[in-house]
Protein backbone atom coordinates (compact mmCIF):
# COMPACT_ATOMS: atom_id res chain seq x y z
CA UNK A 1 20.35 9.69 -15.05
CA UNK A 2 20.63 6.42 -13.12
CA UNK A 3 17.48 4.66 -12.00
CA UNK A 4 16.99 5.21 -8.28
CA UNK A 5 16.35 2.35 -5.88
CA UNK A 6 13.15 2.05 -3.89
CA UNK A 7 13.13 1.87 -0.11
CA UNK A 8 10.00 1.27 1.91
CA UNK A 9 9.61 3.22 5.15
CA UNK A 10 8.45 0.96 7.98
CA UNK A 11 5.20 2.93 8.19
CA UNK A 12 4.44 2.33 4.51
CA UNK A 13 5.01 -1.41 4.95
CA UNK A 14 2.64 -1.38 7.93
CA UNK A 15 0.10 0.63 5.91
CA UNK A 16 0.09 -1.95 3.11
CA UNK A 17 -0.15 -4.84 5.56
CA UNK A 18 -3.05 -3.19 7.41
CA UNK A 19 -4.97 -2.52 4.20
CA UNK A 20 -4.40 -6.07 2.97
CA UNK A 21 -5.46 -7.49 6.35
CA UNK A 22 -8.67 -5.49 6.13
CA UNK A 23 -9.39 -6.64 2.56
CA UNK A 24 -8.57 -10.25 3.44
CA UNK A 25 -11.45 -10.34 5.93
CA UNK A 26 -13.66 -10.62 2.87
CA UNK A 27 -11.28 -12.10 0.32
CA UNK A 28 -7.73 -13.41 0.50
CA UNK A 29 -7.63 -13.33 -3.29
CA UNK A 30 -8.47 -9.62 -3.54
CA UNK A 31 -6.06 -8.76 -0.73
CA UNK A 32 -3.22 -10.44 -2.64
CA UNK A 33 -4.33 -8.80 -5.88
CA UNK A 34 -4.41 -5.38 -4.21
CA UNK A 35 -0.87 -5.87 -2.87
CA UNK A 36 0.38 -6.93 -6.32
CA UNK A 37 -1.14 -3.90 -7.97
CA UNK A 38 0.22 -1.45 -5.39
CA UNK A 39 3.68 -2.98 -5.82
CA UNK A 40 3.35 -2.69 -9.60
CA UNK A 41 2.63 1.05 -9.26
CA UNK A 42 5.57 1.44 -6.88
CA UNK A 43 7.94 -0.37 -9.25
CA UNK A 44 7.16 2.13 -12.03
CA UNK A 45 7.99 5.18 -9.90
CA UNK A 46 11.79 5.03 -10.48
CA UNK A 47 11.22 5.16 -14.25
CA UNK A 48 9.21 8.38 -13.99
CA UNK A 49 9.82 9.81 -10.49
CA UNK A 50 8.45 13.25 -11.31
CA UNK A 51 5.22 11.91 -12.81
CA UNK A 52 3.50 11.76 -9.43
CA UNK A 53 1.80 14.92 -8.35
CA UNK A 54 3.23 17.06 -5.57
CA UNK A 55 1.38 16.25 -2.34
CA UNK A 56 -0.89 19.26 -1.71
CA UNK A 57 -0.54 19.07 2.08
CA UNK A 58 3.22 19.64 1.85
CA UNK A 59 3.80 21.58 -1.39
CA UNK A 60 7.32 20.14 -1.54
CA UNK A 61 8.57 19.09 -4.98
CA UNK A 62 10.31 16.08 -3.41
CA UNK A 63 7.16 14.68 -1.76
CA UNK A 64 4.90 13.21 -4.41
CA UNK A 65 2.11 10.72 -4.79
CA UNK A 66 0.63 8.27 -7.23
CA UNK A 67 -2.99 7.25 -6.97
CA UNK A 68 -4.28 3.69 -7.23
CA UNK A 69 -8.06 3.40 -6.96
CA UNK A 70 -8.92 5.06 -3.59
CA UNK A 71 -5.36 4.96 -2.26
CA UNK A 72 -2.50 7.41 -2.23
CA UNK A 73 1.03 6.07 -2.56
CA UNK A 74 3.15 8.84 -1.07
CA UNK A 75 6.87 8.87 -1.80
CA UNK A 76 9.89 11.08 -1.20
CA UNK A 77 12.64 11.76 -3.69
CA UNK A 78 15.93 11.51 -1.82
CA UNK A 79 19.56 11.49 -2.88
CA UNK A 80 20.19 8.09 -4.43
CA UNK A 81 16.82 6.51 -3.69
CA UNK A 82 13.06 6.90 -3.56
CA UNK A 83 11.35 6.27 -0.23
CA UNK A 84 7.80 4.96 -0.16
CA UNK A 85 6.54 6.94 2.82
CA UNK A 86 2.86 5.99 3.17
CA UNK A 87 -0.06 4.23 1.57
CA UNK A 88 -3.38 5.60 2.70
CA UNK A 89 -6.99 6.00 1.76
CA UNK A 90 -7.43 9.11 -0.35
CA UNK A 91 -10.46 10.17 1.71
CA UNK A 92 -8.21 10.92 4.71
CA UNK A 93 -5.82 13.87 4.86
CA UNK A 94 -2.23 12.81 5.49
CA UNK A 95 -2.33 14.57 8.86
CA UNK A 96 -4.77 11.89 10.04
CA UNK A 97 -2.64 8.99 8.83
């Protein structure tokens, strides 16, 4: 099976930027480190796309998530690619994101 490409949904890009902006209020260093670590998790997804758990709110085998610290990295398995759909705090249900 060929390794699928990653595409970032505009909302997921905005999510990551917003989180990093918030963190950077206290530390530019930790904001950059957070972004690097989220991207590292995302880059592993194509190697093991089914390793993320199915998102409980949707119960759809093609909508999955990986967890990094207190954040959910939600992605969709699509034909030919994987879409990073959202990055959000795990304390909030996806319906509030």
